[in-house]
C-alpha atoms as a PDB file:
ATOM      1  CA  MET A   1      -5.093  -5.689  -3.278  1.00  0.00           C
ATOM      2  CA  GLN A   2      -5.335  -3.699  -6.202  1.00  0.00           C
ATOM      3  CA  TRP A   3      -8.889  -5.312  -7.939  1.00  0.00           C
ATOM      4  CA  GLU A   4      -9.075  -5.110 -11.249  1.00  0.00           C
ATOM      5  CA  TRP A   5     -12.888  -6.340 -13.191  1.00  0.00           C
ATOM      6  CA  GLU A   6     -11.575  -8.837 -14.174  1.00  0.00           C
ATOM      7  CA  GLN A   7     -11.227 -10.097 -10.103  1.00  0.00           C
ATOM      8  CA  ILE A   8     -14.770  -9.441  -9.722  1.00  0.00           C
ATOM      9  CA  ALA A   9     -16.264 -10.896 -13.425  1.00  0.00           C
ATOM     10  CA  GLU A  10     -15.124 -14.483 -11.543  1.00  0.00           C
ATOM     11  CA  VAL A  11     -17.171 -13.276  -8.388  1.00  0.00           C
ATOM     12  CA  VAL A  12     -19.848 -12.386 -10.283  1.00  0.00           C
ATOM     13  CA  CYS A  13     -20.213 -15.550 -12.529  1.00  0.00           C
ATOM     14  CA  SER A  14     -19.634 -17.395  -9.188  1.00  0.00           C
ATOM     15  CA  VAL A  15     -22.045 -16.199  -7.586  1.00  0.00           C
ATOM     16  CA  GLY A  16     -24.926 -16.033 -10.173  1.00  0.00           C
ATOM     17  CA  GLN A  17     -23.515 -18.884 -12.124  1.00  0.00           C
ATOM     18  CA  ILE A  18     -23.307 -17.399 -15.340  1.00  0.00           C
ATOM     19  CA  GLY A  19     -20.905 -17.931 -18.291  1.00  0.00           C
ATOM     20  CA  PRO A  20     -19.001 -15.332 -19.116  1.00  0.00           C
ATOM     21  CA  VAL A  21     -18.962 -11.909 -17.953  1.00  0.00           C
ATOM     22  CA  GLY A  22     -16.578  -9.010 -20.068  1.00  0.00           C
ATOM     23  CA  PRO A  23     -16.501  -5.494 -18.543  1.00  0.00           C
ATOM     24  CA  ASP A  24     -19.371  -3.869 -19.869  1.00  0.00           C
ATOM     25  CA  ASP A  25     -21.764  -6.896 -20.036  1.00  0.00           C
ATOM     26  CA  ASP A  26     -24.814  -5.396 -17.233  1.00  0.00           C
ATOM     27  CA  PHE A  27     -25.022  -9.091 -15.370  1.00  0.00           C
ATOM     28  CA  TYR A  28     -28.816  -9.160 -14.924  1.00  0.00           C
ATOM     29  CA  ASP A  29     -29.024  -8.382 -19.051  1.00  0.00           C
ATOM     30  CA  LEU A  30     -26.889 -12.187 -17.847  1.00  0.00           C
ATOM     31  CA  GLY A  31     -29.924 -14.400 -15.687  1.00  0.00           C
ATOM     32  CA  PHE A  32     -27.908 -12.407 -11.974  1.00  0.00           C
ATOM     33  CA  SER A  33     -31.619 -11.865 -10.302  1.00  0.00           C
ATOM     34  CA  SER A  34     -32.082  -9.675  -7.005  1.00  0.00           C
ATOM     35  CA  ILE A  35     -31.385 -12.240  -4.728  1.00  0.00           C
ATOM     36  CA  ASN A  36     -27.495 -12.514  -6.894  1.00  0.00           C
ATOM     37  CA  SER A  37     -27.462  -8.986  -5.562  1.00  0.00           C
ATOM     38  CA  LEU A  38     -27.047  -9.363  -1.901  1.00  0.00           C
ATOM     39  CA  GLU A  39     -25.182 -11.587  -2.377  1.00  0.00           C
ATOM     40  CA  LEU A  40     -22.312 -10.360  -4.189  1.00  0.00           C
ATOM     41  CA  LEU A  41     -22.457  -7.419  -2.681  1.00  0.00           C
ATOM     42  CA  ILE A  42     -22.067  -9.526   1.370  1.00  0.00           C
ATOM     43  CA  GLN A  43     -19.376 -11.469  -1.110  1.00  0.00           C
ATOM     44  CA  LEU A  44     -18.008  -8.189  -2.113  1.00  0.00           C
ATOM     45  CA  GLU A  45     -18.175  -7.048   0.425  1.00  0.00           C
ATOM     46  CA  THR A  46     -16.382  -9.442   2.906  1.00  0.00           C
ATOM     47  CA  LEU A  47     -13.114 -10.022   0.140  1.00  0.00           C
ATOM     48  CA  CYS A  48     -12.426  -5.812  -0.228  1.00  0.00           C
ATOM     49  CA  ASN A  49     -12.800  -5.800   3.676  1.00  0.00           C
ATOM     50  CA  ALA A  50     -15.541  -2.814   3.307  1.00  0.00           C
ATOM     51  CA  THR A  51     -18.380  -1.131   3.078  1.00  0.00           C
ATOM     52  CA  ILE A  52     -20.425  -0.873  -0.388  1.00  0.00           C
ATOM     53  CA  PRO A  53     -22.389   1.688   0.123  1.00  0.00           C
ATOM     54  CA  ASP A  54     -25.720   0.394  -1.292  1.00  0.00           C
ATOM     55  CA  ASP A  55     -27.130   2.444  -3.873  1.00  0.00           C
ATOM     56  CA  ARG A  56     -23.792   2.815  -5.309  1.00  0.00           C
ATOM     57  CA  PHE A  57     -24.516  -0.740  -5.689  1.00  0.00           C
ATOM     58  CA  ILE A  58     -27.267  -0.413  -7.174  1.00  0.00           C
ATOM     59  CA  GLU A  59     -26.380   1.240 -10.504  1.00  0.00           C
ATOM     60  CA  ALA A  60     -23.750  -0.622 -10.919  1.00  0.00           C
ATOM     61  CA  ARG A  61     -24.134  -3.033 -13.277  1.00  0.00           C
ATOM     62  CA  THR A  62     -20.909  -4.206 -14.508  1.00  0.00           C
ATOM     63  CA  PRO A  63     -17.994  -5.066 -13.434  1.00  0.00           C
ATOM     64  CA  ARG A  64     -16.700  -2.059 -14.441  1.00  0.00           C
ATOM     65  CA  GLY A  65     -18.978  -0.625 -12.685  1.00  0.00           C
ATOM     66  CA  ILE A  66     -18.616  -2.748  -8.924  1.00  0.00           C
ATOM     67  CA  LEU A  67     -14.315  -2.199  -9.798  1.00  0.00           C
ATOM     68  CA  GLN A  68     -15.044   2.562 -10.115  1.00  0.00           C
ATOM     69  CA  ILE A  69     -16.696   1.540  -6.900  1.00  0.00           C
ATOM     70  CA  ILE A  70     -13.836  -0.032  -5.191  1.00  0.00           C
ATOM     71  CA  HIS A  71     -11.638   2.366  -6.241  1.00  0.00           C
ATOM     72  CA  SER A  72     -13.185   4.640  -4.818  1.00  0.00           C
ATOM     73  CA  LEU A  73     -13.112   2.981  -1.397  1.00  0.00           C
ATOM     74  CA  ASP A  74      -8.722   3.152  -1.829  1.00  0.00           C
ATOM     75  CA  GLY A  75      -8.807   5.091   1.116  1.00  0.00           C
ATOM     76  CA  THR A  76     -10.396   3.296   3.093  1.00  0.00           C
ATOM     77  CA  LEU A  77      -9.622  -0.588   1.585  1.00  0.00           C
ATOM     78  CA  ALA A  78      -8.492  -2.965   4.852  1.00  0.00           C
END
């Protein structure tokens, strides 16, 4: 599956129960919590069928940031 930031934003909105998120919106500034972050990581790893490095995930605070991580894992995605 070729991921786009819009798909990540949908997962972010669903997990965090927050409104629309743009590609460079910091979802923590929009009300995302640390518990939401853990749930988001689990959801994305399940959807991607890959392990997302925790240290990189913590730094990615936007859909575009997460997309960059996912694209960097392309060689390891099922």
